[in-house]
Amino acid sequence: MFSLIKGFTQGYYSGDPLKLLEDIQLLKPTIFCSVPRILNRVYGRIMDTMQQKSGFVQWLFNRAIETKKANYEKDGTL
């Protein structure tokens, strides 16, 4: 209700779970309420895509993830 009062844009997925990732790309949500099953699907798609990339891109991706994790463990920033 708060989002409606403040004038936030709201979007809803098409209803087809197989097209959820396409809907996410289209809607570009700032807040995404979900359940673990959906998050596992998103994670799987990201990891599958990274497997197809060159070694340098994979290294860069892994470096970025490790840096984010280290910063979070150090001072809680994301």
PDB file of N, CA and C in Angstrom:
ATOM      1  N   MET A   1       0.817  -1.183   0.000  1.00  0.00           N
ATOM      2  CA  MET A   1       0.000   0.000   0.000  1.00  0.00           C
ATOM      3  C   MET A   1       0.864   1.251   0.000  1.00  0.00           C
ATOM      4  N   PHE A   2       1.965   1.204   0.763  1.00  0.00           N
ATOM      5  CA  PHE A   2       2.869   2.347   0.833  1.00  0.00           C
ATOM      6  C   PHE A   2       3.385   2.728  -0.557  1.00  0.00           C
ATOM      7  N   SER A   3       3.713   1.703  -1.357  1.00  0.00           N
ATOM      8  CA  SER A   3       4.254   1.992  -2.686  1.00  0.00           C
ATOM      9  C   SER A   3       3.224   2.683  -3.570  1.00  0.00           C
ATOM     10  N   LEU A   4       1.972   2.346  -3.414  1.00  0.00           N
ATOM     11  CA  LEU A   4       0.934   3.017  -4.196  1.00  0.00           C
ATOM     12  C   LEU A   4       0.767   4.472  -3.767  1.00  0.00           C
ATOM     13  N   ILE A   5       0.822   4.714  -2.470  1.00  0.00           N
ATOM     14  CA  ILE A   5       0.683   6.074  -1.947  1.00  0.00           C
ATOM     15  C   ILE A   5       1.836   6.951  -2.413  1.00  0.00           C
ATOM     16  N   LYS A   6       3.033   6.393  -2.422  1.00  0.00           N
ATOM     17  CA  LYS A   6       4.219   7.154  -2.804  1.00  0.00           C
ATOM     18  C   LYS A   6       4.410   7.225  -4.325  1.00  0.00           C
ATOM     19  N   GLY A   7       3.601   6.519  -5.086  1.00  0.00           N
ATOM     20  CA  GLY A   7       3.671   6.595  -6.542  1.00  0.00           C
ATOM     21  C   GLY A   7       4.724   5.712  -7.186  1.00  0.00           C
ATOM     22  N   PHE A   8       5.129   4.660  -6.514  1.00  0.00           N
ATOM     23  CA  PHE A   8       6.103   3.753  -7.085  1.00  0.00           C
ATOM     24  C   PHE A   8       5.490   3.004  -8.267  1.00  0.00           C
ATOM     25  N   THR A   9       6.328   2.665  -9.218  1.00  0.00           N
ATOM     26  CA  THR A   9       5.889   1.831 -10.338  1.00  0.00           C
ATOM     27  C   THR A   9       5.889   0.379  -9.887  1.00  0.00           C
ATOM     28  N   GLN A  10       4.836  -0.340 -10.249  1.00  0.00           N
ATOM     29  CA  GLN A  10       4.751  -1.748  -9.903  1.00  0.00           C
ATOM     30  C   GLN A  10       4.599  -2.562 -11.172  1.00  0.00           C
ATOM     31  N   GLY A  11       5.202  -3.743 -11.176  1.00  0.00           N
ATOM     32  CA  GLY A  11       5.090  -4.631 -12.320  1.00  0.00           C
ATOM     33  C   GLY A  11       4.823  -6.044 -11.834  1.00  0.00           C
ATOM     34  N   TYR A  12       4.176  -6.811 -12.651  1.00  0.00           N
ATOM     35  CA  TYR A  12       3.846  -8.190 -12.302  1.00  0.00           C
ATOM     36  C   TYR A  12       4.312  -9.107 -13.415  1.00  0.00           C
ATOM     37  N   TYR A  13       4.777 -10.279 -13.020  1.00  0.00           N
ATOM     38  CA  TYR A  13       5.269 -11.198 -14.034  1.00  0.00           C
ATOM     39  C   TYR A  13       4.104 -11.796 -14.817  1.00  0.00           C
ATOM     40  N   SER A  14       4.432 -12.366 -15.966  1.00  0.00           N
ATOM     41  CA  SER A  14       3.411 -12.823 -16.912  1.00  0.00           C
ATOM     42  C   SER A  14       2.603 -14.007 -16.402  1.00  0.00           C
ATOM     43  N   GLY A  15       3.074 -14.678 -15.374  1.00  0.00           N
ATOM     44  CA  GLY A  15       2.358 -15.829 -14.839  1.00  0.00           C
ATOM     45  C   GLY A  15       2.967 -17.155 -15.272  1.00  0.00           C
ATOM     46  N   ASP A  16       3.899 -17.107 -16.227  1.00  0.00           N
ATOM     47  CA  ASP A  16       4.558 -18.312 -16.708  1.00  0.00           C
ATOM     48  C   ASP A  16       5.916 -18.433 -16.018  1.00  0.00           C
ATOM     49  N   PRO A  17       6.094 -19.410 -15.132  1.00  0.00           N
ATOM     50  CA  PRO A  17       7.365 -19.535 -14.415  1.00  0.00           C
ATOM     51  C   PRO A  17       8.568 -19.712 -15.339  1.00  0.00           C
ATOM     52  N   LEU A  18       8.354 -20.283 -16.507  1.00  0.00           N
ATOM     53  CA  LEU A  18       9.455 -20.480 -17.440  1.00  0.00           C
ATOM     54  C   LEU A  18       9.923 -19.165 -18.062  1.00  0.00           C
ATOM     55  N   LYS A  19       9.090 -18.135 -18.007  1.00  0.00           N
ATOM     56  CA  LYS A  19       9.443 -16.838 -18.572  1.00  0.00           C
ATOM     57  C   LYS A  19       9.778 -15.807 -17.495  1.00  0.00           C
ATOM     58  N   LEU A  20       9.963 -16.265 -16.263  1.00  0.00           N
ATOM     59  CA  LEU A  20      10.211 -15.345 -15.160  1.00  0.00           C
ATOM     60  C   LEU A  20      11.476 -14.521 -15.369  1.00  0.00           C
ATOM     61  N   LEU A  21      12.547 -15.157 -15.838  1.00  0.00           N
ATOM     62  CA  LEU A  21      13.794 -14.413 -16.035  1.00  0.00           C
ATOM     63  C   LEU A  21      13.651 -13.359 -17.131  1.00  0.00           C
ATOM     64  N   GLU A  22      12.863 -13.646 -18.149  1.00  0.00           N
ATOM     65  CA  GLU A  22      12.585 -12.637 -19.181  1.00  0.00           C
ATOM     66  C   GLU A  22      11.812 -11.468 -18.571  1.00  0.00           C
ATOM     67  N   ASP A  23      10.865 -11.773 -17.700  1.00  0.00           N
ATOM     68  CA  ASP A  23      10.086 -10.721 -17.035  1.00  0.00           C
ATOM     69  C   ASP A  23      10.982  -9.857 -16.151  1.00  0.00           C
ATOM     70  N   ILE A  24      11.938 -10.494 -15.473  1.00  0.00           N
ATOM     71  CA  ILE A  24      12.863  -9.740 -14.621  1.00  0.00           C
ATOM     72  C   ILE A  24      13.687  -8.777 -15.470  1.00  0.00           C
ATOM     73  N   GLN A  25      14.156  -9.239 -16.624  1.00  0.00           N
ATOM     74  CA  GLN A  25      14.938  -8.367 -17.502  1.00  0.00           C
ATOM     75  C   GLN A  25      14.094  -7.207 -18.008  1.00  0.00           C
ATOM     76  N   LEU A  26      12.838  -7.445 -18.273  1.00  0.00           N
ATOM     77  CA  LEU A  26      11.948  -6.400 -18.772  1.00  0.00           C
ATOM     78  C   LEU A  26      11.579  -5.401 -17.681  1.00  0.00           C
ATOM     79  N   LEU A  27      11.220  -5.899 -16.495  1.00  0.00           N
ATOM     80  CA  LEU A  27      10.748  -5.037 -15.407  1.00  0.00           C
ATOM     81  C   LEU A  27      11.878  -4.335 -14.656  1.00  0.00           C
ATOM     82  N   LYS A  28      13.065  -4.970 -14.597  1.00  0.00           N
ATOM     83  CA  LYS A  28      14.204  -4.419 -13.852  1.00  0.00           C
ATOM     84  C   LYS A  28      13.797  -3.972 -12.439  1.00  0.00           C
ATOM     85  N   PRO A  29      13.347  -4.900 -11.619  1.00  0.00           N
ATOM     86  CA  PRO A  29      12.844  -4.521 -10.290  1.00  0.00           C
ATOM     87  C   PRO A  29      13.935  -4.023  -9.350  1.00  0.00           C
ATOM     88  N   THR A  30      13.566  -3.070  -8.513  1.00  0.00           N
ATOM     89  CA  THR A  30      14.449  -2.605  -7.447  1.00  0.00           C
ATOM     90  C   THR A  30      14.299  -3.522  -6.246  1.00  0.00           C
ATOM     91  N   ILE A  31      13.072  -3.931  -5.981  1.00  0.00           N
ATOM     92  CA  ILE A  31      12.764  -4.873  -4.898  1.00  0.00           C
ATOM     93  C   ILE A  31      12.139  -6.097  -5.537  1.00  0.00           C
ATOM     94  N   PHE A  32      12.617  -7.271  -5.129  1.00  0.00           N
ATOM     95  CA  PHE A  32      12.141  -8.511  -5.731  1.00  0.00           C
ATOM     96  C   PHE A  32      11.850  -9.508  -4.618  1.00  0.00           C
ATOM     97  N   CYS A  33      10.592  -9.661  -4.269  1.00  0.00           N
ATOM     98  CA  CYS A  33      10.190 -10.635  -3.257  1.00  0.00           C
ATOM     99  C   CYS A  33      10.143 -12.002  -3.928  1.00  0.00           C
ATOM    100  N   SER A  34      10.721 -12.983  -3.273  1.00  0.00           N
ATOM    101  CA  SER A  34      10.823 -14.284  -3.918  1.00  0.00           C
ATOM    102  C   SER A  34      10.918 -15.394  -2.885  1.00  0.00           C
ATOM    103  N   VAL A  35      11.030 -16.601  -3.410  1.00  0.00           N
ATOM    104  CA  VAL A  35      11.226 -17.801  -2.591  1.00  0.00           C
ATOM    105  C   VAL A  35      12.497 -18.486  -3.075  1.00  0.00           C
ATOM    106  N   PRO A  36      13.106 -19.348  -2.273  1.00  0.00           N
ATOM    107  CA  PRO A  36      14.374 -19.976  -2.656  1.00  0.00           C
ATOM    108  C   PRO A  36      14.343 -20.687  -4.006  1.00  0.00           C
ATOM    109  N   ARG A  37      13.256 -21.310  -4.346  1.00  0.00           N
ATOM    110  CA  ARG A  37      13.182 -22.036  -5.620  1.00  0.00           C
ATOM    111  C   ARG A  37      13.426 -21.097  -6.804  1.00  0.00           C
ATOM    112  N   ILE A  38      12.853 -19.912  -6.760  1.00  0.00           N
ATOM    113  CA  ILE A  38      13.033 -18.937  -7.841  1.00  0.00           C
ATOM    114  C   ILE A  38      14.468 -18.418  -7.837  1.00  0.00           C
ATOM    115  N   LEU A  39      14.993 -18.108  -6.649  1.00  0.00           N
ATOM    116  CA  LEU A  39      16.358 -17.610  -6.562  1.00  0.00           C
ATOM    117  C   LEU A  39      17.366 -18.656  -7.049  1.00  0.00           C
ATOM    118  N   ASN A  40      17.100 -19.922  -6.793  1.00  0.00           N
ATOM    119  CA  ASN A  40      17.966 -20.989  -7.301  1.00  0.00           C
ATOM    120  C   ASN A  40      17.937 -21.030  -8.828  1.00  0.00           C
ATOM    121  N   ARG A  41      16.797 -20.766  -9.417  1.00  0.00           N
ATOM    122  CA  ARG A  41      16.684 -20.746 -10.875  1.00  0.00           C
ATOM    123  C   ARG A  41      17.493 -19.578 -11.456  1.00  0.00           C
ATOM    124  N   VAL A  42      17.393 -18.422 -10.838  1.00  0.00           N
ATOM    125  CA  VAL A  42      18.160 -17.255 -11.290  1.00  0.00           C
ATOM    126  C   VAL A  42      19.656 -17.539 -11.144  1.00  0.00           C
ATOM    127  N   TYR A  43      20.055 -18.077 -10.008  1.00  0.00           N
ATOM    128  CA  TYR A  43      21.460 -18.414  -9.770  1.00  0.00           C
ATOM    129  C   TYR A  43      21.958 -19.410 -10.824  1.00  0.00           C
ATOM    130  N   GLY A  44      21.171 -20.424 -11.089  1.00  0.00           N
ATOM    131  CA  GLY A  44      21.542 -21.431 -12.084  1.00  0.00           C
ATOM    132  C   GLY A  44      21.727 -20.836 -13.469  1.00  0.00           C
ATOM    133  N   ARG A  45      20.857 -19.937 -13.849  1.00  0.00           N
ATOM    134  CA  ARG A  45      20.965 -19.299 -15.163  1.00  0.00           C
ATOM    135  C   ARG A  45      22.241 -18.456 -15.251  1.00  0.00           C
ATOM    136  N   ILE A  46      22.534 -17.732 -14.173  1.00  0.00           N
ATOM    137  CA  ILE A  46      23.758 -16.920 -14.153  1.00  0.00           C
ATOM    138  C   ILE A  46      24.988 -17.813 -14.271  1.00  0.00           C
ATOM    139  N   MET A  47      25.016 -18.890 -13.492  1.00  0.00           N
ATOM    140  CA  MET A  47      26.179 -19.772 -13.512  1.00  0.00           C
ATOM    141  C   MET A  47      26.318 -20.496 -14.849  1.00  0.00           C
ATOM    142  N   ASP A  48      25.219 -20.887 -15.479  1.00  0.00           N
ATOM    143  CA  ASP A  48      25.267 -21.505 -16.804  1.00  0.00           C
ATOM    144  C   ASP A  48      25.837 -20.534 -17.832  1.00  0.00           C
ATOM    145  N   THR A  49      25.417 -19.282 -17.749  1.00  0.00           N
ATOM    146  CA  THR A  49      25.919 -18.260 -18.666  1.00  0.00           C
ATOM    147  C   THR A  49      27.411 -18.059 -18.464  1.00  0.00           C
ATOM    148  N   MET A  50      27.863 -18.039 -17.223  1.00  0.00           N
ATOM    149  CA  MET A  50      29.283 -17.821 -16.952  1.00  0.00           C
ATOM    150  C   MET A  50      30.136 -18.985 -17.443  1.00  0.00           C
ATOM    151  N   GLN A  51      29.596 -20.190 -17.445  1.00  0.00           N
ATOM    152  CA  GLN A  51      30.335 -21.358 -17.940  1.00  0.00           C
ATOM    153  C   GLN A  51      30.653 -21.230 -19.425  1.00  0.00           C
ATOM    154  N   GLN A  52      29.840 -20.473 -20.154  1.00  0.00           N
ATOM    155  CA  GLN A  52      30.024 -20.323 -21.596  1.00  0.00           C
ATOM    156  C   GLN A  52      30.961 -19.173 -21.955  1.00  0.00           C
ATOM    157  N   LYS A  53      31.370 -18.388 -20.976  1.00  0.00           N
ATOM    158  CA  LYS A  53      32.224 -17.224 -21.215  1.00  0.00           C
ATOM    159  C   LYS A  53      33.695 -17.626 -21.238  1.00  0.00           C
ATOM    160  N   SER A  54      34.541 -16.709 -21.703  1.00  0.00           N
ATOM    161  CA  SER A  54      35.977 -16.962 -21.763  1.00  0.00           C
ATOM    162  C   SER A  54      36.566 -17.047 -20.357  1.00  0.00           C
ATOM    163  N   GLY A  55      37.777 -17.562 -20.283  1.00  0.00           N
ATOM    164  CA  GLY A  55      38.445 -17.709 -18.997  1.00  0.00           C
ATOM    165  C   GLY A  55      38.641 -16.386 -18.275  1.00  0.00           C
ATOM    166  N   PHE A  56      38.981 -15.325 -19.022  1.00  0.00           N
ATOM    167  CA  PHE A  56      39.181 -14.020 -18.404  1.00  0.00           C
ATOM    168  C   PHE A  56      37.882 -13.497 -17.806  1.00  0.00           C
ATOM    169  N   VAL A  57      36.774 -13.644 -18.518  1.00  0.00           N
ATOM    170  CA  VAL A  57      35.479 -13.173 -18.019  1.00  0.00           C
ATOM    171  C   VAL A  57      35.085 -13.957 -16.776  1.00  0.00           C
ATOM    172  N   GLN A  58      35.325 -15.246 -16.788  1.00  0.00           N
ATOM    173  CA  GLN A  58      35.038 -16.065 -15.606  1.00  0.00           C
ATOM    174  C   GLN A  58      35.892 -15.625 -14.429  1.00  0.00           C
ATOM    175  N   TRP A  59      37.179 -15.366 -14.672  1.00  0.00           N
ATOM    176  CA  TRP A  59      38.067 -14.906 -13.606  1.00  0.00           C
ATOM    177  C   TRP A  59      37.578 -13.577 -13.039  1.00  0.00           C
ATOM    178  N   LEU A  60      37.205 -12.657 -13.937  1.00  0.00           N
ATOM    179  CA  LEU A  60      36.727 -11.343 -13.517  1.00  0.00           C
ATOM    180  C   LEU A  60      35.451 -11.466 -12.680  1.00  0.00           C
ATOM    181  N   PHE A  61      34.527 -12.305 -13.123  1.00  0.00           N
ATOM    182  CA  PHE A  61      33.285 -12.553 -12.389  1.00  0.00           C
ATOM    183  C   PHE A  61      33.585 -13.100 -10.993  1.00  0.00           C
ATOM    184  N   ASN A  62      34.427 -14.122 -10.929  1.00  0.00           N
ATOM    185  CA  ASN A  62      34.767 -14.727  -9.638  1.00  0.00           C
ATOM    186  C   ASN A  62      35.484 -13.738  -8.732  1.00  0.00           C
ATOM    187  N   ARG A  63      36.337 -12.909  -9.302  1.00  0.00           N
ATOM    188  CA  ARG A  63      37.043 -11.876  -8.529  1.00  0.00           C
ATOM    189  C   ARG A  63      36.043 -10.879  -7.934  1.00  0.00           C
ATOM    190  N   ALA A  64      35.060 -10.473  -8.735  1.00  0.00           N
ATOM    191  CA  ALA A  64      34.042  -9.535  -8.255  1.00  0.00           C
ATOM    192  C   ALA A  64      33.236 -10.148  -7.116  1.00  0.00           C
ATOM    193  N   ILE A  65      32.854 -11.394  -7.254  1.00  0.00           N
ATOM    194  CA  ILE A  65      32.082 -12.079  -6.205  1.00  0.00           C
ATOM    195  C   ILE A  65      32.912 -12.179  -4.922  1.00  0.00           C
ATOM    196  N   GLU A  66      34.166 -12.578  -5.045  1.00  0.00           N
ATOM    197  CA  GLU A  66      35.023 -12.712  -3.863  1.00  0.00           C
ATOM    198  C   GLU A  66      35.248 -11.367  -3.186  1.00  0.00           C
ATOM    199  N   THR A  67      35.397 -10.298  -3.963  1.00  0.00           N
ATOM    200  CA  THR A  67      35.573  -8.964  -3.389  1.00  0.00           C
ATOM    201  C   THR A  67      34.332  -8.537  -2.627  1.00  0.00           C
ATOM    202  N   LYS A  68      33.147  -8.775  -3.207  1.00  0.00           N
ATOM    203  CA  LYS A  68      31.891  -8.437  -2.527  1.00  0.00           C
ATOM    204  C   LYS A  68      31.765  -9.206  -1.215  1.00  0.00           C
ATOM    205  N   LYS A  69      32.074 -10.492  -1.251  1.00  0.00           N
ATOM    206  CA  LYS A  69      31.978 -11.307  -0.042  1.00  0.00           C
ATOM    207  C   LYS A  69      32.950 -10.826   1.029  1.00  0.00           C
ATOM    208  N   ALA A  70      34.180 -10.492   0.627  1.00  0.00           N
ATOM    209  CA  ALA A  70      35.184 -10.022   1.580  1.00  0.00           C
ATOM    210  C   ALA A  70      34.756  -8.696   2.201  1.00  0.00           C
ATOM    211  N   ASN A  71      34.231  -7.775   1.392  1.00  0.00           N
ATOM    212  CA  ASN A  71      33.758  -6.492   1.919  1.00  0.00           C
ATOM    213  C   ASN A  71      32.601  -6.691   2.889  1.00  0.00           C
ATOM    214  N   TYR A  72      31.711  -7.597   2.574  1.00  0.00           N
ATOM    215  CA  TYR A  72      30.564  -7.851   3.446  1.00  0.00           C
ATOM    216  C   TYR A  72      31.027  -8.435   4.789  1.00  0.00           C
ATOM    217  N   GLU A  73      31.954  -9.377   4.721  1.00  0.00           N
ATOM    218  CA  GLU A  73      32.450  -9.989   5.957  1.00  0.00           C
ATOM    219  C   GLU A  73      33.251  -8.992   6.789  1.00  0.00           C
ATOM    220  N   LYS A  74      33.942  -8.071   6.126  1.00  0.00           N
ATOM    221  CA  LYS A  74      34.785  -7.089   6.824  1.00  0.00           C
ATOM    222  C   LYS A  74      33.966  -6.024   7.536  1.00  0.00           C
ATOM    223  N   ASP A  75      33.057  -5.362   6.804  1.00  0.00           N
ATOM    224  CA  ASP A  75      32.319  -4.259   7.419  1.00  0.00           C
ATOM    225  C   ASP A  75      30.818  -4.228   7.122  1.00  0.00           C
ATOM    226  N   GLY A  76      30.305  -5.297   6.510  1.00  0.00           N
ATOM    227  CA  GLY A  76      28.860  -5.384   6.296  1.00  0.00           C
ATOM    228  C   GLY A  76      28.317  -4.612   5.119  1.00  0.00           C
ATOM    229  N   THR A  77      29.193  -4.025   4.295  1.00  0.00           N
ATOM    230  CA  THR A  77      28.704  -3.265   3.139  1.00  0.00           C
ATOM    231  C   THR A  77      28.470  -4.194   1.957  1.00  0.00           C
ATOM    232  N   LEU A  78      27.530  -3.819   1.144  1.00  0.00           N
ATOM    233  CA  LEU A  78      27.243  -4.593  -0.067  1.00  0.00           C
ATOM    234  C   LEU A  78      27.724  -3.852  -1.298  1.00  0.00           C
TER     235      LEU A  78
END
